[in-house]
Protein backbone atom coordinates (compact mmCIF):
# COMPACT_ATOMS: atom_id res chain seq x y z
CA UNK A 1 3.32 -4.49 5.46
CA UNK A 2 0.51 -4.91 2.68
CA UNK A 3 -0.01 -4.28 1.09
CA UNK A 4 -1.60 0.89 -0.87
CA UNK A 5 -4.44 10.58 -0.24
CA UNK A 6 -7.32 8.61 2.10
CA UNK A 7 -8.41 11.87 3.72
CA UNK A 8 -8.39 13.23 -0.04
CA UNK A 9 -9.08 10.01 -1.96
CA UNK A 10 -10.59 7.62 0.16
CA UNK A 11 -10.44 5.54 -2.91
CA UNK A 12 -6.86 3.98 -2.17
CA UNK A 13 -9.14 2.42 1.30
CA UNK A 14 -11.40 0.86 -1.27
CA UNK A 15 -8.92 0.08 -3.54
CA UNK A 16 -5.43 0.17 -2.78
CA UNK A 17 -5.24 0.40 1.56
CA UNK A 18 -4.42 -3.11 3.62
CA UNK A 19 -7.41 -2.79 5.87
CA UNK A 20 -10.31 -1.25 5.22
CA UNK A 21 -13.23 -1.70 7.57
CA UNK A 22 -14.20 -4.85 9.27
CA UNK A 23 -17.47 -6.42 8.49
CA UNK A 24 -18.22 -8.28 12.04
CA UNK A 25 -20.55 -10.80 11.28
CA UNK A 26 -20.15 -14.36 11.70
CA UNK A 27 -19.27 -16.97 9.14
CA UNK A 28 -21.55 -19.76 8.82
CA UNK A 29 -21.82 -22.84 11.56
CA UNK A 30 -19.52 -24.96 9.88
CA UNK A 31 -16.77 -22.49 9.24
CA UNK A 32 -16.98 -21.41 12.93
CA UNK A 33 -16.38 -25.09 13.92
CA UNK A 34 -13.23 -25.51 12.01
CA UNK A 35 -12.09 -22.11 13.43
CA UNK A 36 -12.78 -23.47 17.16
CA UNK A 37 -11.08 -26.33 16.07
CA UNK A 38 -8.13 -24.59 14.83
CA UNK A 39 -8.04 -22.19 18.05
CA UNK A 40 -7.95 -24.94 20.24
CA UNK A 41 -5.12 -26.76 18.00
CA UNK A 42 -3.03 -24.12 17.71
CA UNK A 43 -2.29 -23.56 21.69
CA UNK A 44 0.33 -26.06 21.14
CA UNK A 45 2.73 -23.91 18.86
CA UNK A 46 1.87 -20.76 20.90
CA UNK A 47 2.78 -22.40 23.74
CA UNK A 48 6.18 -23.31 22.50
CA UNK A 49 6.76 -19.44 21.27
CA UNK A 50 6.62 -18.61 24.63
CA UNK A 51 2.74 -17.64 24.82
CA UNK A 52 0.90 -18.08 28.07
CA UNK A 53 -2.17 -19.61 28.33
CA UNK A 54 -3.72 -16.43 30.01
CA UNK A 55 -3.10 -14.52 26.73
CA UNK A 56 -3.84 -17.00 24.43
CA UNK A 57 -7.04 -17.26 26.39
CA UNK A 58 -7.95 -13.59 26.48
CA UNK A 59 -6.56 -12.97 22.56
CA UNK A 60 -8.94 -15.43 21.35
CA UNK A 61 -12.21 -14.90 23.84
CA UNK A 62 -15.31 -14.03 21.74
CA UNK A 63 -13.85 -14.35 18.40
CA UNK A 64 -14.89 -15.84 15.49
CA UNK A 65 -13.72 -16.20 11.65
CA UNK A 66 -13.88 -12.38 9.63
CA UNK A 67 -15.71 -12.91 6.60
CA UNK A 68 -14.01 -9.31 5.16
CA UNK A 69 -10.52 -11.03 5.84
CA UNK A 70 -11.31 -13.97 3.40
CA UNK A 71 -13.05 -11.37 0.85
CA UNK A 72 -9.87 -9.12 0.83
CA UNK A 73 -7.46 -11.89 0.82
CA UNK A 74 -8.88 -12.87 -2.30
CA UNK A 75 -8.29 -9.88 -4.13
CA UNK A 76 -5.25 -7.39 -3.61
CA UNK A 77 -5.19 -4.91 -5.94
CA UNK A 78 -1.56 -3.67 -6.35
CA UNK A 79 -1.02 -7.31 -8.30
CA UNK A 80 -4.56 -6.86 -10.36
CA UNK A 81 -5.27 -3.53 -11.03
CA UNK A 82 -3.64 -2.06 -14.02
CA UNK A 83 -0.58 -0.18 -13.15
CA UNK A 84 -2.41 2.91 -14.75
CA UNK A 85 -5.22 2.63 -12.34
CA UNK A 86 -3.15 1.96 -9.59
CA UNK A 87 -0.64 4.59 -10.12
CA UNK A 88 -3.43 7.55 -10.86
CA UNK A 89 -5.00 6.39 -7.50
CA UNK A 90 -1.90 6.36 -5.55
CA UNK A 91 0.12 9.29 -6.55
CA UNK A 92 -2.67 12.26 -6.13
CA UNK A 93 -1.39 15.77 -5.99
CA UNK A 94 -3.22 15.87 -2.50
CA UNK A 95 -1.30 13.11 -1.29
CA UNK A 96 1.81 14.47 -2.44
CA UNK A 97 1.15 17.96 -0.66
CA UNK A 98 0.52 16.39 2.51
CA UNK A 99 3.46 14.62 1.92
CA UNK A 100 5.22 17.73 1.58
CA UNK A 101 3.70 19.09 5.23
CA UNK A 102 5.03 16.01 6.59
CA UNK A 103 8.07 15.96 5.53
CA UNK A 104 8.07 20.08 7.26
CA UNK A 105 6.07 19.11 10.32
CA UNK A 106 8.54 16.15 10.96
CA UNK A 107 12.14 17.71 9.71
CA UNK A 108 14.15 17.35 12.82
CA UNK A 109 12.76 13.43 13.49
CA UNK A 110 13.34 12.60 9.69
CA UNK A 111 17.16 14.57 9.62
CA UNK A 112 17.90 12.05 12.40
CA UNK A 113 16.49 9.30 11.11
CA UNK A 114 18.07 9.78 7.68
CA UNK A 115 21.61 10.26 9.34
CA UNK A 116 20.88 7.10 11.45
CA UNK A 117 19.74 4.68 8.92
CA UNK A 118 20.93 6.30 5.56
CA UNK A 119 16.86 5.60 4.21
CA UNK A 120 16.05 8.68 1.91
CA UNK A 121 13.28 10.35 4.15
CA UNK A 122 11.22 10.90 0.92
CA UNK A 123 11.03 7.11 0.47
CA UNK A 124 9.66 6.94 4.51
CA UNK A 125 7.24 9.25 3.75
CA UNK A 126 5.92 8.01 0.39
CA UNK A 127 5.61 4.38 2.48
CA UNK A 128 3.72 6.36 5.16
CA UNK A 129 1.31 7.76 2.68
CA UNK A 130 0.86 4.90 0.40
CA UNK A 131 0.12 2.63 3.80
CA UNK A 132 -2.33 5.05 5.54
CA UNK A 133 -2.40 8.06 4.22
CA UNK A 134 -0.25 9.84 7.41
CA UNK A 135 -1.78 8.54 9.71
CA UNK A 136 -5.76 8.96 9.14
CA UNK A 137 -6.50 5.44 8.23
CA UNK A 138 -4.56 2.83 10.08
CA UNK A 139 -7.17 0.15 10.25
CA UNK A 140 -9.27 -0.90 12.99
CA UNK A 141 -9.51 -4.80 12.77
CA UNK A 142 -8.58 -6.92 15.58
CA UNK A 143 -5.24 -8.07 14.63
CA UNK A 144 -5.51 -11.36 16.15
CA UNK A 145 -8.95 -12.15 14.79
CA UNK A 146 -7.81 -11.26 11.10
CA UNK A 147 -4.71 -13.20 11.48
CA UNK A 148 -6.42 -16.40 12.97
CA UNK A 149 -8.77 -15.99 9.87
CA UNK A 150 -6.05 -15.99 7.72
CA UNK A 151 -4.06 -19.09 9.65
CA UNK A 152 -7.05 -21.37 9.35
CA UNK A 153 -7.73 -22.17 5.90
CA UNK A 154 -6.82 -20.33 2.49
CA UNK A 155 -4.25 -19.65 0.39
CA UNK A 156 -1.85 -17.80 3.34
CA UNK A 157 -2.31 -20.04 5.82
CA UNK A 158 1.50 -19.98 6.37
CA UNK A 159 1.45 -16.49 6.40
CA UNK A 160 -1.14 -16.48 8.92
CA UNK A 161 0.47 -18.76 11.24
CA UNK A 162 3.63 -17.29 11.28
CA UNK A 163 2.53 -13.65 12.01
CA UNK A 164 -0.18 -14.74 14.62
CA UNK A 165 2.24 -16.59 16.76
CA UNK A 166 4.38 -13.14 16.57
CA UNK A 167 1.07 -11.11 17.55
CA UNK A 168 0.43 -13.12 20.01
CA UNK A 169 4.15 -12.74 21.50
CA UNK A 170 3.78 -9.09 21.03
CA UNK A 171 0.52 -9.75 23.41
CA UNK A 172 2.43 -11.65 25.85
CA UNK A 173 5.10 -8.72 26.39
CA UNK A 174 2.42 -5.76 26.60
CA UNK A 175 2.75 -4.06 23.52
CA UNK A 176 -0.73 -3.14 23.27
CA UNK A 177 -1.74 -3.09 26.83
CA UNK A 178 -5.16 -1.52 26.45
CA UNK A 179 -6.88 -3.53 24.43
CA UNK A 180 -6.90 -5.46 21.55
CA UNK A 181 -4.22 -4.58 18.99
CA UNK A 182 -5.47 -2.95 15.81
CA UNK A 183 -4.58 -3.00 12.02
CA UNK A 184 -5.23 -3.97 8.73
CA UNK A 185 -7.13 -7.01 7.42
CA UNK A 186 -3.80 -8.76 6.80
CA UNK A 187 -2.09 -7.79 10.43
CA UNK A 188 -0.16 -4.72 9.60
CA UNK A 189 -0.10 -2.54 12.04
CA UNK A 190 0.30 1.67 12.84
CA UNK A 191 1.30 4.34 10.56
CA UNK A 192 3.42 2.63 8.42
CA UNK A 193 1.76 -1.03 8.39
CA UNK A 194 4.26 -3.27 10.21
CA UNK A 195 3.02 -7.04 10.16
CA UNK A 196 4.05 -8.56 13.68
CA UNK A 197 6.83 -10.31 12.60
CA UNK A 198 8.57 -7.23 11.24
CA UNK A 199 7.83 -5.41 14.32
CA UNK A 200 9.34 -7.64 16.62
CA UNK A 201 12.31 -7.41 14.54
CA UNK A 202 12.86 -3.70 13.49
CA UNK A 203 10.64 -1.94 15.32
CA UNK A 204 12.30 0.75 17.65
CA UNK A 205 11.94 3.25 20.42
CA UNK A 206 13.28 6.22 18.71
CA UNK A 207 12.28 8.73 21.03
CA UNK A 208 13.64 6.84 24.11
CA UNK A 209 10.42 6.55 26.39
CA UNK A 210 11.33 2.43 26.26
CA UNK A 211 7.99 2.00 24.03
CA UNK A 212 8.19 0.99 20.42
CA UNK A 213 4.64 2.67 19.40
CA UNK A 214 4.12 2.68 15.95
CA UNK A 215 0.36 3.44 16.71
CA UNK A 216 0.80 6.88 18.11
CA UNK A 217 4.15 8.35 17.43
CA UNK A 218 4.80 8.49 13.82
CA UNK A 219 8.29 9.27 14.39
CA UNK A 220 8.50 5.77 15.78
CA UNK A 221 6.76 4.50 12.75
CA UNK A 222 9.10 5.95 10.10
CA UNK A 223 12.38 4.83 12.21
CA UNK A 224 11.23 1.54 12.60
CA UNK A 225 10.46 1.51 8.86
CA UNK A 226 14.03 3.18 8.02
CA UNK A 227 15.38 0.37 10.09
CA UNK A 228 13.59 -2.59 8.38
CA UNK A 229 15.19 -0.51 4.71
CA UNK A 230 18.13 -0.33 6.34
CA UNK A 231 18.73 -3.85 7.23
CA UNK A 232 17.65 -5.21 3.76
CA UNK A 233 20.81 -2.74 2.33
CA UNK A 234 18.96 0.09 1.26
CA UNK A 235 22.05 1.83 -0.97
CA UNK A 236 22.22 5.79 0.74
CA UNK A 237 22.46 8.60 -1.86
CA UNK A 238 20.73 6.39 -4.46
CA UNK A 239 17.55 6.72 -5.84
CA UNK A 240 14.91 4.16 -6.66
CA UNK A 241 15.10 4.06 -10.50
CA UNK A 242 14.62 6.78 -13.79
CA UNK A 243 11.60 6.98 -16.15
CA UNK A 244 13.52 6.34 -19.76
CA UNK A 245 12.52 6.76 -23.39
CA UNK A 246 13.10 4.10 -25.23
CA UNK A 247 14.58 3.93 -28.74
CA UNK A 248 12.56 2.02 -31.63
CA UNK A 249 14.95 -1.43 -31.71
CA UNK A 250 14.30 -1.85 -27.49
CA UNK A 251 11.33 -3.22 -26.71
CA UNK A 252 9.67 -6.31 -24.41
CA UNK A 253 12.41 -8.74 -25.35
CA UNK A 254 14.89 -6.15 -23.10
CA UNK A 255 12.80 -6.16 -20.12
CA UNK A 256 12.84 -8.06 -16.94
CA UNK A 257 14.89 -8.73 -14.17
CA UNK A 258 17.15 -11.50 -15.61
CA UNK A 259 18.16 -8.62 -18.49
CA UNK A 260 19.88 -6.07 -16.21
CA UNK A 261 23.04 -4.50 -17.34
CA UNK A 262 24.73 -1.60 -16.28
CA UNK A 263 23.41 2.00 -17.07
CA UNK A 264 26.22 2.59 -18.79
CA UNK A 265 25.10 -0.59 -21.19
CA UNK A 266 21.60 0.81 -21.47
CA UNK A 267 22.83 4.33 -22.67
CA UNK A 268 24.52 2.74 -25.18
CA UNK A 269 21.46 0.90 -26.39
CA UNK A 270 19.78 4.55 -26.94
CA UNK A 271 18.11 4.05 -23.53
CA UNK A 272 18.00 7.52 -22.52
CA UNK A 273 15.82 9.28 -19.24
CA UNK A 274 13.05 11.04 -20.30
CA UNK A 275 14.80 14.49 -19.65
CA UNK A 276 17.59 13.81 -21.19
CA UNK A 277 20.01 14.21 -18.05
CA UNK A 278 22.49 11.88 -17.53
CA UNK A 279 23.04 8.48 -15.06
CA UNK A 280 24.85 9.99 -12.32
CA UNK A 281 26.58 6.64 -11.82
CA UNK A 282 26.44 4.79 -15.19
CA UNK A 283 28.02 1.42 -13.22
CA UNK A 284 25.18 0.90 -11.65
CA UNK A 285 23.16 -1.91 -12.64
CA UNK A 286 19.36 -1.99 -13.60
CA UNK A 287 16.65 -3.74 -15.16
CA UNK A 288 13.46 -2.55 -17.65
CA UNK A 289 10.23 -2.20 -16.34
CA UNK A 290 6.95 -1.61 -18.71
CA UNK A 291 4.13 -1.66 -16.61
CA UNK A 292 1.49 -1.15 -19.60
CA UNK A 293 4.18 -2.33 -22.52
CA UNK A 294 6.17 0.04 -24.78
CA UNK A 295 3.55 2.50 -25.60
CA UNK A 296 3.41 3.44 -21.86
CA UNK A 297 5.93 5.00 -19.38
CA UNK A 298 9.14 2.48 -19.38
CA UNK A 299 11.63 2.81 -16.61
CA UNK A 300 15.02 1.37 -15.50
CA UNK A 301 14.94 0.18 -11.71
CA UNK A 302 17.77 0.04 -9.56
CA UNK A 303 18.91 -2.47 -6.72
CA UNK A 304 16.85 0.28 -4.20
CA UNK A 305 13.43 -0.62 -5.96
CA UNK A 306 13.72 -4.14 -4.76
CA UNK A 307 14.55 -2.87 -1.22
CA UNK A 308 11.29 -1.03 -1.31
CA UNK A 309 9.29 -4.46 -3.01
CA UNK A 310 10.59 -6.21 0.66
CA UNK A 311 7.82 -4.01 1.93
CA UNK A 312 5.12 -5.02 -0.48
CA UNK A 313 6.44 -7.52 -3.23
CA UNK A 314 4.28 -5.86 -6.07
CA UNK A 315 6.15 -3.92 -8.90
CA UNK A 316 3.48 -1.51 -9.05
CA UNK A 317 3.08 -0.69 -5.18
CA UNK A 318 7.01 -0.07 -5.24
CA UNK A 319 6.64 2.11 -8.57
CA UNK A 320 4.20 4.19 -6.55
CA UNK A 321 6.25 4.56 -3.45
CA UNK A 322 9.21 5.65 -5.80
CA UNK A 323 6.91 8.34 -7.69
CA UNK A 324 5.12 9.85 -4.62
CA UNK A 325 8.85 10.05 -3.16
CA UNK A 326 9.90 12.00 -6.07
CA UNK A 327 6.76 14.20 -5.78
CA UNK A 328 7.12 14.97 -2.43
CA UNK A 329 10.57 15.84 -3.13
CA UNK A 330 9.83 17.96 -5.50
CA UNK A 331 10.02 16.36 -8.45
CA UNK A 332 7.62 15.92 -12.00
CA UNK A 333 4.64 13.53 -12.54
CA UNK A 334 5.43 10.91 -15.17
CA UNK A 335 6.39 12.36 -18.47
CA UNK A 336 4.87 9.90 -20.61
CA UNK A 337 1.17 9.67 -20.76
CA UNK A 338 -0.39 6.20 -19.99
CA UNK A 339 -1.78 4.23 -23.05
CA UNK A 340 -5.45 3.87 -21.71
CA UNK A 341 -5.70 7.50 -20.56
CA UNK A 342 -6.15 6.93 -17.24
CA UNK A 343 -5.26 10.35 -15.24
CA UNK A 344 -5.73 11.67 -11.75
CA UNK A 345 -8.72 13.73 -11.29
CA UNK A 346 -9.24 17.02 -9.90
CA UNK A 347 -10.76 17.56 -6.55
CA UNK A 348 -13.68 19.43 -8.30
CA UNK A 349 -14.00 16.77 -11.03
CA UNK A 350 -14.27 14.16 -7.99
CA UNK A 351 -17.15 16.80 -6.59
CA UNK A 352 -19.11 16.94 -10.49
CA UNK A 353 -18.90 13.01 -10.92
CA UNK A 354 -20.69 12.14 -7.13
CA UNK A 355 -23.35 15.05 -7.95
CA UNK A 356 -23.60 13.36 -11.01
CA UNK A 357 -24.20 10.24 -9.43
CA UNK A 358 -26.36 11.32 -7.11
CA UNK A 359 -28.37 13.06 -9.99
CA UNK A 360 -29.51 9.51 -11.22
CA UNK A 361 -30.71 8.36 -8.37
CA UNK A 362 -27.33 6.40 -6.78
CA UNK A 363 -27.14 6.47 -3.31
CA UNK A 364 -23.20 7.40 -2.11
CA UNK A 365 -23.58 9.40 0.74
CA UNK A 366 -21.98 12.59 1.00
CA UNK A 367 -20.72 14.85 -1.70
CA UNK A 368 -17.12 14.87 -0.72
CA UNK A 369 -14.70 14.61 -3.31
CA UNK A 370 -13.66 11.36 -1.81
CA UNK A 371 -14.03 8.53 -4.34
CA UNK A 372 -14.50 5.62 -1.98
CA UNK A 373 -16.49 2.17 -1.85
CA UNK A 374 -20.03 3.63 -2.53
CA UNK A 375 -19.01 6.13 -4.71
CA UNK A 376 -17.16 2.96 -6.34
CA UNK A 377 -20.16 1.51 -6.31
CA UNK A 378 -22.33 3.98 -7.73
CA UNK A 379 -20.16 4.19 -11.02
CA UNK A 380 -19.80 0.28 -11.15
CA UNK A 381 -23.31 0.19 -11.54
CA UNK A 382 -23.13 3.35 -14.14
CA UNK A 383 -20.86 1.38 -15.94
CA UNK A 384 -23.19 -1.57 -16.29
CA UNK A 385 -25.95 0.08 -17.26
CA UNK A 386 -23.89 2.04 -20.05
CA UNK A 387 -22.18 -1.51 -21.31
CA UNK A 388 -19.11 -0.66 -20.16
CA UNK A 389 -16.30 -2.59 -18.09
CA UNK A 390 -17.69 -2.35 -14.36
CA UNK A 391 -14.55 -1.56 -12.65
CA UNK A 392 -16.18 0.97 -10.36
CA UNK A 393 -12.85 2.98 -11.83
CA UNK A 394 -13.41 6.78 -12.05
CA UNK A 395 -12.48 7.91 -15.75
CA UNK A 396 -12.91 10.43 -18.34
CA UNK A 397 -15.66 8.48 -20.08
CA UNK A 398 -17.95 8.16 -17.02
CA UNK A 399 -17.57 12.14 -16.30
CA UNK A 400 -18.44 13.16 -19.91
CA UNK A 401 -21.68 10.44 -19.11
CA UNK A 402 -22.32 12.22 -15.86
CA UNK A 403 -22.14 15.60 -17.72
CA UNK A 404 -25.17 14.92 -19.64
CA UNK A 405 -28.51 15.87 -18.16
CA UNK A 406 -29.98 12.56 -16.70
CA UNK A 407 -33.47 11.03 -17.86
CA UNK A 408 -36.23 12.55 -15.99
């Protein structure tokens, strides 16, 4: 589970979504030789895990290390992007709308999943939306190639080797009999992007057909994710946290997990919910999270927030899941604006940005309202031209620049 609307805002493919599109070209010859030595030596570990030689040879036939995996491994947006940019890109009106549609479409299945595992259906829908935009982009990279690239060198070699063994065991069991297993650059698979180790532990046969098909059966993926969260001791009937308003005396010194206290004690300090409602369970413990300091939105985070972080260990990811879940449920957007002015753009504004970039000669592909990698490259080039921070992220300033007639 890595970690990140893709159909309506492919920005999350370029920025937030684990996977992206694979670039299938080989690394230099030296890297290829090291990779081949790794594949040869790793057979010993695979054999001990119960993988047959036939399965092993089939899994690695014709594979080379994937440079795209190396590139993506060096940059994970949920840890490096400002919280404002991450949240604005992740929780869009379009994604909320699609989530509500899926909630209605799979109501019967979600009723049964919620009854069996006790996990909030809207959190499951939010994870589905964050991970693959409700199944519209599940990744098309060969999982064995991705994981073996991680495993043979780099900072995530230990992770890669453990997941690679699990993926090979999946192949041994015939989980995906027709062709290679497909997923993200870090080996996450299916509608809710289960990594191989968690597939083996938590994937369930929800519809009773003898399979655990997280690729083609959304309800099976949702049930498997519910099983994962349930096993992490999800607190049924409780939320993930609250957006709050801070009194002047409560600042950064009160934030962080080590300074958790009961909601009653937070209330006694003057920390109130933004809409003024009471905390329903004053005895619950929470810690203060200030993603962009005291001038931005502030949150009290409960135990269920930590459970979401076990799916992806980044505060911005878990906050996006919690907020998207609340929005799909019918709740409001955050009451406090981001201090850097980051905001969501309407579909028409996204069209306007793309038309403006094309008018200035930037080759961004089709004007489709989707801020994907080509559009971001165009924005980045324009930012460099104007002496701005070149992060490729659409801003109100960029929109205003593009509204001015281009120089002839």
